[in-house]
C-alpha atoms as a PDB file:
ATOM      1  CA  MET A   1     107.571  94.268 108.744  1.00  0.00           C
ATOM      2  CA  ALA A   2     107.481  90.436 108.959  1.00  0.00           C
ATOM      3  CA  VAL A   3     110.131  90.513 111.714  1.00  0.00           C
ATOM      4  CA  ALA A   4     107.995  92.661 114.090  1.00  0.00           C
ATOM      5  CA  VAL A   5     105.019  90.261 113.821  1.00  0.00           C
ATOM      6  CA  ALA A   6     107.142  87.129 114.508  1.00  0.00           C
ATOM      7  CA  ASP A   7     108.881  88.871 117.452  1.00  0.00           C
ATOM      8  CA  PRO A   8     106.870  88.004 120.632  1.00  0.00           C
ATOM      9  CA  GLY A   9     109.173  90.138 122.696  1.00  0.00           C
ATOM     10  CA  ASP A  10     107.998  93.432 121.048  1.00  0.00           C
ATOM     11  CA  ARG A  11     104.364  92.665 121.779  1.00  0.00           C
ATOM     12  CA  SER A  12     104.960  91.929 125.556  1.00  0.00           C
ATOM     13  CA  ARG A  13     106.833  95.220 125.852  1.00  0.00           C
ATOM     14  CA  TRP A  14     104.069  97.354 124.233  1.00  0.00           C
ATOM     15  CA  ARG A  15     101.376  95.765 126.480  1.00  0.00           C
ATOM     16  CA  SER A  16     103.368  96.845 129.688  1.00  0.00           C
ATOM     17  CA  ARG A  17     103.775 100.354 128.450  1.00  0.00           C
ATOM     18  CA  SER A  18     100.099 100.759 127.686  1.00  0.00           C
ATOM     19  CA  ARG A  19      99.034  99.647 131.102  1.00  0.00           C
ATOM     20  CA  SER A  20     101.574 101.995 132.794  1.00  0.00           C
ATOM     21  CA  ARG A  21     100.401 105.042 130.842  1.00  0.00           C
ATOM     22  CA  GLY A  22      96.705 104.495 131.704  1.00  0.00           C
ATOM     23  CA  PRO A  23      94.326 103.868 128.848  1.00  0.00           C
ATOM     24  CA  VAL A  24      91.472 105.294 131.017  1.00  0.00           C
ATOM     25  CA  PRO A  25      92.130 109.046 130.594  1.00  0.00           C
ATOM     26  CA  VAL A  26      92.325 108.743 126.792  1.00  0.00           C
ATOM     27  CA  PRO A  27      88.648 107.674 126.132  1.00  0.00           C
ATOM     28  CA  VAL A  28      87.342 110.141 128.814  1.00  0.00           C
ATOM     29  CA  ALA A  29      88.418 113.174 126.747  1.00  0.00           C
ATOM     30  CA  VAL A  30      86.779 111.867 123.555  1.00  0.00           C
ATOM     31  CA  PRO A  31      83.150 111.658 124.647  1.00  0.00           C
ATOM     32  CA  VAL A  32      83.345 114.995 126.655  1.00  0.00           C
ATOM     33  CA  ALA A  33      84.338 117.057 123.510  1.00  0.00           C
ATOM     34  CA  ALA A  34      81.872 115.229 121.160  1.00  0.00           C
ATOM     35  CA  PRO A  35      78.520 115.841 122.913  1.00  0.00           C
ATOM     36  CA  VAL A  36      79.352 119.592 123.479  1.00  0.00           C
ATOM     37  CA  PRO A  37      79.521 120.917 119.855  1.00  0.00           C
ATOM     38  CA  VAL A  38      76.867 118.509 118.567  1.00  0.00           C
ATOM     39  CA  PRO A  39      73.720 119.654 120.637  1.00  0.00           C
ATOM     40  CA  VAL A  40      74.808 123.272 120.246  1.00  0.00           C
ATOM     41  CA  ALA A  41      74.829 123.469 116.453  1.00  0.00           C
ATOM     42  CA  ALA A  42      71.841 121.145 115.983  1.00  0.00           C
ATOM     43  CA  PRO A  43      69.052 123.029 117.740  1.00  0.00           C
ATOM     44  CA  VAL A  44      70.128 126.393 116.109  1.00  0.00           C
ATOM     45  CA  PRO A  45      69.501 125.453 112.358  1.00  0.00           C
ATOM     46  CA  VAL A  46      66.510 123.336 112.997  1.00  0.00           C
ATOM     47  CA  PRO A  47      63.991 125.981 114.339  1.00  0.00           C
ATOM     48  CA  VAL A  48      65.166 128.501 111.799  1.00  0.00           C
ATOM     49  CA  ALA A  49      64.391 126.400 108.741  1.00  0.00           C
ATOM     50  CA  ALA A  50      61.090 125.172 110.106  1.00  0.00           C
ATOM     51  CA  PRO A  51      58.967 128.340 110.069  1.00  0.00           C
ATOM     52  CA  PRO A  52      59.754 129.454 106.413  1.00  0.00           C
ATOM     53  CA  PRO A  53      58.140 126.312 104.720  1.00  0.00           C
ATOM     54  CA  PRO A  54      54.626 126.693 106.313  1.00  0.00           C
ATOM     55  CA  THR A  55      54.387 130.328 105.141  1.00  0.00           C
ATOM     56  CA  PRO A  56      54.228 129.916 101.315  1.00  0.00           C
ATOM     57  CA  PRO A  57      51.412 127.242 101.306  1.00  0.00           C
ATOM     58  CA  THR A  58      49.216 129.595 103.531  1.00  0.00           C
ATOM     59  CA  ALA A  59      49.415 132.480 101.113  1.00  0.00           C
END
């Protein structure tokens, strides 16, 4: 473990590979799949639980 940290050659090699692969397409797929399931499941349970509470106090 200590050898990898003291080896500057390993770090420079990792940096070149990361740039070649393209770190842009990775973060693009994350935000696209997150906002889709969030808004769809939020508005459904909200309106269903709202009408029941105001009914008991009126009776």
